[in-house]
Amino acid sequence: MARPRKPLLSRERIVETASVLVDAEGLEAVSTRRLAAELGVSGPSLYNHFRNKDEILDAVADAVSAQVDLSMFDEGDGRDWSTALHDWAVSYRAALTEHPNIVPVLARGPGRRPAGLRVADAVFGAMVRSGWPPAQATYIGALMRYFITGSALGSFARGFVDDETAYDPADYPHLGQAHLLADRQQKVDEGAFETGLRALVDGLAVQYAAMVRA
């Protein structure tokens, strides 16, 4: 029988299949047995490409990090550090909201993941070039990761039920409209993110101006 022109298995196929499972069913859906079944191969063949499930999930997370736009940090881009930081955060959150189930893995930090490390390197490098001391640039990178991944881990609006009887004004006098939040999830969550992001960047700008004057 003729050999197939393309190998039956590759890192890319494994990551793509695992990504689909994570997006559809969550992290718990990924196992070497399940992946092997989805790919139509034997379980041990996966170990030619990944040592274990954690490495596969790391690769899925890194594929999401690779979707984040970093062009605003290029030296010739022309945006100042605060605008670049804002625009990058918007791009980062957009990638995470497309793949919310992988956020807990991303929230652990980049580890050895190449795309994740490129993100960290780009943010740190841009802040230092702009005049932030290295320690402060590190704090800014950490702060932004906390804020962005935290915003993508859950939905404030989805935390309320679409049932006005659940919010008796005798008990919750200020939640008379809370039952409407679930239906307005995207608007509420995007508005909250932009409000928080502006507050963070504007606050950093105040610190930066004080630092420059000192």
Protein backbone atom coordinates (compact mmCIF):
# COMPACT_ATOMS: atom_id res chain seq x y z
CA MET A 1 0.00 0.00 0.00
CA ALA A 2 1.33 3.43 -0.97
CA ARG A 3 2.48 5.64 1.87
CA PRO A 4 0.34 8.75 2.49
CA ARG A 5 1.74 11.93 0.99
CA LYS A 6 1.28 13.73 4.31
CA PRO A 7 2.03 12.28 7.73
CA LEU A 8 -1.05 11.24 9.66
CA LEU A 9 0.00 13.22 12.67
CA SER A 10 1.80 16.49 13.34
CA ARG A 11 2.11 18.98 16.16
CA GLU A 12 -0.09 21.36 14.19
CA ARG A 13 -2.90 18.82 13.79
CA ILE A 14 -2.77 17.93 17.48
CA VAL A 15 -2.89 21.57 18.54
CA GLU A 16 -5.73 22.39 16.14
CA THR A 17 -7.79 19.45 17.36
CA ALA A 18 -7.09 20.23 21.01
CA SER A 19 -8.04 23.88 20.41
CA VAL A 20 -11.40 22.86 19.00
CA LEU A 21 -12.06 20.64 22.01
CA VAL A 22 -11.06 23.34 24.50
CA ASP A 23 -13.22 25.96 22.79
CA ALA A 24 -16.23 23.65 22.61
CA GLU A 25 -16.02 21.73 25.88
CA GLY A 26 -13.36 23.22 28.13
CA LEU A 27 -9.99 22.09 29.43
CA GLU A 28 -11.42 18.92 30.97
CA ALA A 29 -12.32 17.62 27.52
CA VAL A 30 -8.66 17.30 26.54
CA SER A 31 -7.00 13.97 27.22
CA THR A 32 -4.52 11.99 25.18
CA ARG A 33 -7.15 9.26 24.74
CA ARG A 34 -9.79 11.71 23.50
CA LEU A 35 -7.35 13.46 21.18
CA ALA A 36 -6.16 10.18 19.73
CA ALA A 37 -9.76 9.18 19.03
CA GLU A 38 -10.52 12.52 17.39
CA LEU A 39 -7.39 12.26 15.24
CA GLY A 40 -7.93 8.63 14.36
CA VAL A 41 -4.55 7.51 15.70
CA SER A 42 -3.28 5.41 18.57
CA GLY A 43 -2.72 7.16 21.90
CA PRO A 44 1.03 6.49 22.15
CA SER A 45 1.64 8.19 18.81
CA LEU A 46 0.86 11.55 20.45
CA TYR A 47 3.95 11.15 22.61
CA ASN A 48 6.14 11.49 19.53
CA HIS A 49 5.13 15.16 19.55
CA PHE A 50 4.18 16.02 23.15
CA ARG A 51 5.25 14.50 26.44
CA ASN A 52 1.89 14.94 28.15
CA LYS A 53 -1.45 16.74 28.21
CA ASP A 54 0.03 19.83 29.87
CA GLU A 55 2.41 20.35 26.96
CA ILE A 56 -0.50 20.13 24.55
CA LEU A 57 -2.48 22.73 26.50
CA ASP A 58 0.61 24.94 26.61
CA ALA A 59 0.78 24.74 22.83
CA VAL A 60 -2.90 25.61 22.53
CA ALA A 61 -2.37 28.61 24.80
CA ASP A 62 0.64 29.71 22.78
CA ALA A 63 -1.37 29.55 19.56
CA VAL A 64 -3.76 32.05 21.13
CA SER A 65 -0.87 34.30 22.22
CA ALA A 66 0.36 34.26 18.62
CA GLN A 67 -2.89 35.96 17.58
CA VAL A 68 -2.13 39.07 19.65
CA ASP A 69 -1.10 42.11 17.61
CA LEU A 70 2.32 43.42 18.67
CA SER A 71 2.89 45.83 15.78
CA MET A 72 2.15 48.87 17.95
CA PHE A 73 5.38 48.19 19.83
CA ASP A 74 7.56 48.35 16.73
CA GLU A 75 10.05 51.20 17.01
CA GLY A 76 8.86 52.75 13.76
CA ASP A 77 5.14 52.48 14.51
CA GLY A 78 4.82 56.03 15.84
CA ARG A 79 2.37 55.44 18.68
CA ASP A 80 3.41 56.70 22.11
CA TRP A 81 3.78 54.16 24.90
CA SER A 82 0.34 54.80 26.42
CA THR A 83 -1.53 54.48 23.11
CA ALA A 84 0.46 51.37 22.22
CA LEU A 85 -0.27 49.83 25.62
CA HIS A 86 -3.99 50.53 25.21
CA ASP A 87 -4.16 49.15 21.66
CA TRP A 88 -2.20 46.05 22.59
CA ALA A 89 -4.50 45.37 25.55
CA VAL A 90 -7.54 45.58 23.27
CA SER A 91 -5.95 43.10 20.86
CA TYR A 92 -4.95 40.76 23.69
CA ARG A 93 -8.43 40.73 25.18
CA ALA A 94 -9.98 40.14 21.75
CA ALA A 95 -7.85 37.01 21.35
CA LEU A 96 -8.82 35.77 24.81
CA THR A 97 -12.52 36.40 24.37
CA GLU A 98 -12.40 34.25 21.23
CA HIS A 99 -10.94 31.40 23.30
CA PRO A 100 -12.09 31.95 26.91
CA ASN A 101 -11.63 28.34 28.04
CA ILE A 102 -7.86 28.49 27.59
CA VAL A 103 -7.50 31.66 29.73
CA PRO A 104 -6.67 29.76 32.97
CA VAL A 105 -3.61 28.29 31.22
CA LEU A 106 -2.55 31.68 29.87
CA ALA A 107 -3.06 33.26 33.27
CA ARG A 108 -0.23 31.15 34.67
CA GLY A 109 2.23 33.18 32.59
CA PRO A 110 4.29 32.45 29.48
CA GLY A 111 6.63 29.85 30.96
CA ARG A 112 8.61 28.56 27.98
CA ARG A 113 5.96 29.31 25.36
CA PRO A 114 7.58 31.18 22.43
CA ALA A 115 4.62 33.38 21.43
CA GLY A 116 3.85 34.20 25.06
CA LEU A 117 7.47 35.18 25.64
CA ARG A 118 7.40 37.40 22.53
CA VAL A 119 4.40 39.21 24.00
CA ALA A 120 6.17 39.75 27.33
CA ASP A 121 9.37 40.83 25.58
CA ALA A 122 7.54 43.33 23.35
CA VAL A 123 5.69 44.99 26.23
CA PHE A 124 8.74 45.20 28.49
CA GLY A 125 11.00 46.43 25.70
CA ALA A 126 8.58 49.14 24.62
CA MET A 127 8.13 50.43 28.15
CA VAL A 128 11.88 50.58 28.80
CA ARG A 129 12.50 52.35 25.47
CA SER A 130 9.88 54.90 26.47
CA GLY A 131 11.79 55.76 29.63
CA TRP A 132 10.20 53.54 32.28
CA PRO A 133 12.79 52.02 34.65
CA PRO A 134 13.07 48.24 34.17
CA ALA A 135 11.43 47.50 37.53
CA GLN A 136 8.42 49.69 36.68
CA ALA A 137 8.23 48.18 33.19
CA THR A 138 8.02 44.75 34.83
CA TYR A 139 5.24 45.95 37.12
CA ILE A 140 3.33 47.36 34.15
CA GLY A 141 3.58 44.09 32.24
CA ALA A 142 2.34 42.17 35.27
CA LEU A 143 -0.44 44.66 35.96
CA MET A 144 -1.73 44.49 32.41
CA ARG A 145 -1.68 40.69 32.37
CA TYR A 146 -3.63 40.57 35.63
CA PHE A 147 -6.22 42.98 34.29
CA ILE A 148 -6.62 41.48 30.81
CA THR A 149 -6.72 37.82 31.81
CA GLY A 150 -8.95 38.64 34.77
CA SER A 151 -11.41 40.40 32.50
CA ALA A 152 -11.53 37.35 30.23
CA LEU A 153 -11.95 34.74 32.98
CA GLY A 154 -15.61 35.50 33.48
CA SER A 155 -18.47 37.83 32.71
CA PHE A 156 -19.83 40.24 35.30
CA ALA A 157 -23.08 40.56 33.36
CA ARG A 158 -23.57 36.80 33.08
CA GLY A 159 -23.41 36.61 36.86
CA PHE A 160 -26.95 37.95 37.08
CA VAL A 161 -30.07 36.00 36.08
CA ASP A 162 -32.71 37.18 33.65
CA ASP A 163 -35.45 37.15 36.28
CA GLU A 164 -36.52 40.37 37.95
CA THR A 165 -38.13 38.45 40.83
CA ALA A 166 -34.64 37.36 41.91
CA TYR A 167 -33.84 40.91 43.00
CA ASP A 168 -36.49 41.92 45.51
CA PRO A 169 -36.16 45.68 46.11
CA ALA A 170 -36.79 45.07 49.79
CA ASP A 171 -33.52 43.14 49.93
CA TYR A 172 -31.59 44.76 47.08
CA PRO A 173 -32.84 48.33 46.68
CA HIS A 174 -30.21 49.22 44.07
CA LEU A 175 -30.53 46.17 41.82
CA GLY A 176 -33.86 46.94 40.20
CA GLN A 177 -32.34 46.66 36.71
CA ALA A 178 -29.93 43.80 37.43
CA HIS A 179 -32.09 41.27 35.58
CA LEU A 180 -31.35 43.16 32.35
CA LEU A 181 -27.59 42.70 32.57
CA ALA A 182 -27.46 39.14 31.25
CA ASP A 183 -29.13 40.25 28.01
CA ARG A 184 -26.58 43.04 27.61
CA GLN A 185 -23.51 40.98 28.39
CA GLN A 186 -21.28 42.07 25.53
CA LYS A 187 -21.99 45.77 25.96
CA VAL A 188 -21.50 45.63 29.74
CA ASP A 189 -18.31 43.58 29.60
CA GLU A 190 -16.74 45.61 26.80
CA GLY A 191 -17.69 48.86 28.51
CA ALA A 192 -16.27 47.70 31.82
CA PHE A 193 -13.03 46.61 30.15
CA GLU A 194 -12.58 49.90 28.30
CA THR A 195 -13.38 51.90 31.44
CA GLY A 196 -10.85 49.97 33.49
CA LEU A 197 -8.24 50.06 30.75
CA ARG A 198 -8.55 53.83 30.39
CA ALA A 199 -8.25 54.25 34.14
CA LEU A 200 -5.11 52.11 34.23
CA VAL A 201 -3.40 53.78 31.29
CA ASP A 202 -4.37 57.29 32.42
CA GLY A 203 -3.10 56.50 35.92
CA LEU A 204 0.19 55.26 34.51
CA ALA A 205 0.44 58.44 32.42
CA VAL A 206 0.18 60.52 35.60
CA GLN A 207 2.98 58.45 37.17
CA TYR A 208 5.08 58.80 34.03
CA ALA A 209 4.68 62.59 33.94
CA ALA A 210 5.70 62.83 37.60
CA MET A 211 8.71 60.62 36.93
CA VAL A 212 9.84 62.73 33.99
CA ARG A 213 9.53 65.96 36.03
CA ALA A 214 11.50 64.54 38.97
